[in-house]
C-alpha atoms as a PDB file:
ATOM      1  CA  MET A   1      14.770 -35.458   5.101  1.00  0.00           C
ATOM      2  CA  ILE A   2      15.040 -32.034   3.516  1.00  0.00           C
ATOM      3  CA  SER A   3      17.122 -29.388   5.245  1.00  0.00           C
ATOM      4  CA  LYS A   4      16.023 -26.355   7.126  1.00  0.00           C
ATOM      5  CA  VAL A   5      13.233 -24.110   5.838  1.00  0.00           C
ATOM      6  CA  SER A   6      14.087 -20.414   5.967  1.00  0.00           C
ATOM      7  CA  VAL A   7      11.111 -18.153   6.567  1.00  0.00           C
ATOM      8  CA  ILE A   8      11.860 -14.559   5.683  1.00  0.00           C
ATOM      9  CA  VAL A   9       9.667 -11.872   7.223  1.00  0.00           C
ATOM     10  CA  THR A  10      10.216  -8.353   5.968  1.00  0.00           C
ATOM     11  CA  CYS A  11       8.720  -5.525   7.948  1.00  0.00           C
ATOM     12  CA  TYR A  12       8.431  -1.792   7.638  1.00  0.00           C
ATOM     13  CA  ASN A  13       6.170  -0.170  10.241  1.00  0.00           C
ATOM     14  CA  GLN A  14       3.998  -3.267  10.605  1.00  0.00           C
ATOM     15  CA  GLU A  15       3.740  -3.537  14.360  1.00  0.00           C
ATOM     16  CA  CYS A  16       0.009  -4.333  14.063  1.00  0.00           C
ATOM     17  CA  TYR A  17       0.659  -7.526  12.081  1.00  0.00           C
ATOM     18  CA  LEU A  18       4.129  -8.685  13.065  1.00  0.00           C
ATOM     19  CA  ALA A  19       3.277 -10.732  16.177  1.00  0.00           C
ATOM     20  CA  GLU A  20       0.538 -12.634  14.336  1.00  0.00           C
ATOM     21  CA  ALA A  21       2.908 -13.435  11.462  1.00  0.00           C
ATOM     22  CA  LEU A  22       5.672 -14.605  13.810  1.00  0.00           C
ATOM     23  CA  ASN A  23       3.244 -16.692  15.862  1.00  0.00           C
ATOM     24  CA  SER A  24       2.185 -18.452  12.668  1.00  0.00           C
ATOM     25  CA  VAL A  25       5.802 -19.524  12.197  1.00  0.00           C
ATOM     26  CA  LEU A  26       6.222 -20.560  15.819  1.00  0.00           C
ATOM     27  CA  VAL A  27       3.289 -23.004  15.759  1.00  0.00           C
ATOM     28  CA  GLN A  28       4.332 -24.881  12.614  1.00  0.00           C
ATOM     29  CA  THR A  29       4.265 -28.678  12.796  1.00  0.00           C
ATOM     30  CA  TYR A  30       7.540 -28.817  10.864  1.00  0.00           C
ATOM     31  CA  GLN A  31      10.321 -28.002  13.303  1.00  0.00           C
ATOM     32  CA  ASP A  32      13.487 -27.628  11.213  1.00  0.00           C
ATOM     33  CA  TRP A  33      13.158 -23.940  10.376  1.00  0.00           C
ATOM     34  CA  GLU A  34      14.699 -20.579  10.957  1.00  0.00           C
ATOM     35  CA  CYS A  35      12.851 -17.295  10.752  1.00  0.00           C
ATOM     36  CA  ILE A  36      14.778 -14.255   9.641  1.00  0.00           C
ATOM     37  CA  ILE A  37      12.991 -11.053  10.558  1.00  0.00           C
ATOM     38  CA  ILE A  38      14.366  -8.131   8.598  1.00  0.00           C
ATOM     39  CA  ASN A  39      13.363  -4.670   9.724  1.00  0.00           C
ATOM     40  CA  ASP A  40      13.634  -2.246   6.820  1.00  0.00           C
ATOM     41  CA  GLY A  41      14.007   0.909   8.910  1.00  0.00           C
ATOM     42  CA  SER A  42      10.721   0.843  10.836  1.00  0.00           C
ATOM     43  CA  THR A  43       9.937   3.773  13.108  1.00  0.00           C
ATOM     44  CA  ASP A  44       7.167   2.001  15.046  1.00  0.00           C
ATOM     45  CA  ALA A  45       7.421  -0.836  17.609  1.00  0.00           C
ATOM     46  CA  SER A  46       8.345  -3.500  15.029  1.00  0.00           C
ATOM     47  CA  GLU A  47      11.848  -3.816  16.489  1.00  0.00           C
ATOM     48  CA  VAL A  48      10.566  -4.379  20.035  1.00  0.00           C
ATOM     49  CA  ILE A  49       8.167  -7.078  18.830  1.00  0.00           C
ATOM     50  CA  ALA A  50      10.816  -8.795  16.692  1.00  0.00           C
ATOM     51  CA  LYS A  51      13.370  -8.807  19.505  1.00  0.00           C
ATOM     52  CA  SER A  52      10.821 -10.368  21.854  1.00  0.00           C
ATOM     53  CA  TYR A  53      10.665 -13.379  19.517  1.00  0.00           C
ATOM     54  CA  ILE A  54      14.411 -13.885  19.368  1.00  0.00           C
ATOM     55  CA  THR A  55      14.322 -14.338  23.147  1.00  0.00           C
ATOM     56  CA  LYS A  56      11.413 -16.833  22.862  1.00  0.00           C
ATOM     57  CA  ASP A  57      13.059 -19.137  20.358  1.00  0.00           C
ATOM     58  CA  PRO A  58      16.644 -19.205  19.032  1.00  0.00           C
ATOM     59  CA  ARG A  59      15.386 -20.094  15.537  1.00  0.00           C
ATOM     60  CA  PHE A  60      14.293 -16.451  15.150  1.00  0.00           C
ATOM     61  CA  LYS A  61      17.010 -14.128  13.829  1.00  0.00           C
ATOM     62  CA  TYR A  62      16.722 -10.349  13.655  1.00  0.00           C
ATOM     63  CA  ILE A  63      18.345  -7.966  11.176  1.00  0.00           C
ATOM     64  CA  TYR A  64      17.930  -4.196  11.105  1.00  0.00           C
ATOM     65  CA  GLN A  65      18.762  -2.134   8.040  1.00  0.00           C
ATOM     66  CA  GLU A  66      18.158   1.457   7.049  1.00  0.00           C
ATOM     67  CA  ASN A  67      15.176   1.699   4.716  1.00  0.00           C
ATOM     68  CA  GLN A  68      16.198   0.267   1.344  1.00  0.00           C
ATOM     69  CA  GLY A  69      12.919  -1.246   0.161  1.00  0.00           C
ATOM     70  CA  VAL A  70      11.466  -4.734   0.199  1.00  0.00           C
ATOM     71  CA  VAL A  71      13.687  -6.174  -2.547  1.00  0.00           C
ATOM     72  CA  ALA A  72      16.894  -5.213  -0.742  1.00  0.00           C
ATOM     73  CA  ALA A  73      15.419  -6.465   2.540  1.00  0.00           C
ATOM     74  CA  ARG A  74      14.591  -9.852   1.035  1.00  0.00           C
ATOM     75  CA  ASN A  75      17.988 -10.152  -0.637  1.00  0.00           C
ATOM     76  CA  ASN A  76      19.777  -9.333   2.631  1.00  0.00           C
ATOM     77  CA  ALA A  77      17.679 -11.874   4.513  1.00  0.00           C
ATOM     78  CA  ILE A  78      18.351 -14.571   1.914  1.00  0.00           C
ATOM     79  CA  ALA A  79      22.074 -13.834   2.202  1.00  0.00           C
ATOM     80  CA  ALA A  80      21.830 -14.329   5.983  1.00  0.00           C
ATOM     81  CA  SER A  81      19.894 -17.604   5.766  1.00  0.00           C
ATOM     82  CA  THR A  82      21.635 -20.806   6.824  1.00  0.00           C
ATOM     83  CA  GLY A  83      21.429 -24.489   6.033  1.00  0.00           C
ATOM     84  CA  LYS A  84      22.598 -26.687   3.219  1.00  0.00           C
ATOM     85  CA  ILE A  85      19.313 -26.291   1.355  1.00  0.00           C
ATOM     86  CA  ASN A  86      17.025 -23.325   2.074  1.00  0.00           C
ATOM     87  CA  TYR A  87      13.516 -22.572   0.922  1.00  0.00           C
ATOM     88  CA  PRO A  88      12.813 -18.955   1.762  1.00  0.00           C
ATOM     89  CA  LEU A  89       9.106 -18.354   2.144  1.00  0.00           C
ATOM     90  CA  LEU A  90       8.847 -14.693   1.280  1.00  0.00           C
ATOM     91  CA  TYR A  91       5.959 -12.750   2.718  1.00  0.00           C
ATOM     92  CA  GLY A  92       5.586  -9.513   4.606  1.00  0.00           C
ATOM     93  CA  ALA A  93       4.658  -9.169   8.243  1.00  0.00           C
ATOM     94  CA  TYR A  94       1.015  -8.817   7.194  1.00  0.00           C
ATOM     95  CA  GLY A  95       0.878 -12.484   6.180  1.00  0.00           C
ATOM     96  CA  VAL A  96       0.466 -15.656   8.167  1.00  0.00           C
ATOM     97  CA  ILE A  97       1.531 -19.184   7.371  1.00  0.00           C
ATOM     98  CA  VAL A  98      -1.114 -21.899   7.559  1.00  0.00           C
ATOM     99  CA  LEU A  99      -0.214 -24.349  10.319  1.00  0.00           C
ATOM    100  CA  VAL A 100       1.147 -27.184   8.188  1.00  0.00           C
ATOM    101  CA  VAL A 101       2.436 -25.345   5.119  1.00  0.00           C
ATOM    102  CA  MET A 102       6.121 -25.949   5.866  1.00  0.00           C
ATOM    103  CA  GLN A 103       5.534 -29.687   6.336  1.00  0.00           C
ATOM    104  CA  PHE A 104       3.547 -29.762   3.089  1.00  0.00           C
ATOM    105  CA  LEU A 105       6.149 -27.819   1.090  1.00  0.00           C
ATOM    106  CA  ASN A 106       8.957 -29.894   2.483  1.00  0.00           C
ATOM    107  CA  GLY A 107       7.182 -33.092   1.378  1.00  0.00           C
ATOM    108  CA  ILE A 108       6.674 -31.736  -2.130  1.00  0.00           C
ATOM    109  CA  LEU A 109      10.285 -30.600  -2.427  1.00  0.00           C
ATOM    110  CA  LYS A 110      11.571 -33.923  -1.097  1.00  0.00           C
ATOM    111  CA  ASN A 111       9.554 -35.792  -3.743  1.00  0.00           C
ATOM    112  CA  MET A 112      10.813 -33.441  -6.459  1.00  0.00           C
ATOM    113  CA  ILE A 113      14.400 -34.105  -5.422  1.00  0.00           C
ATOM    114  CA  GLU A 114      13.794 -37.866  -5.386  1.00  0.00           C
ATOM    115  CA  LEU A 115      12.263 -37.657  -8.848  1.00  0.00           C
ATOM    116  CA  THR A 116      15.281 -35.735 -10.034  1.00  0.00           C
ATOM    117  CA  PHE A 117      17.610 -38.408  -8.702  1.00  0.00           C
ATOM    118  CA  TYR A 118      15.615 -41.389  -9.944  1.00  0.00           C
ATOM    119  CA  GLY A 119      13.746 -39.973 -12.950  1.00  0.00           C
END
């Protein structure tokens, strides 16, 4: 089985969308994941929402940084991701993950690795 999937959620003043995005991670059928929420200096309630998820499930991790832009936010989140093999799914808080996408991606990546070993 493939290692943990790292879902990286960047947010900057996206309190209206953040809970929906994080819920879409929480209901995934694939269970070996971590979700790194990186707050890029939001001034709205994004931090409160993000911190509520880290108390719901220990697979959620929260990072705050002064506003540096989405590229720096993603790079910092990738640096904080864990696991032997990680597949960061990069999308902002305005996005949602279809229920089985992690399971699907993990299956594809597993087959690619097997093909690499045997091909």
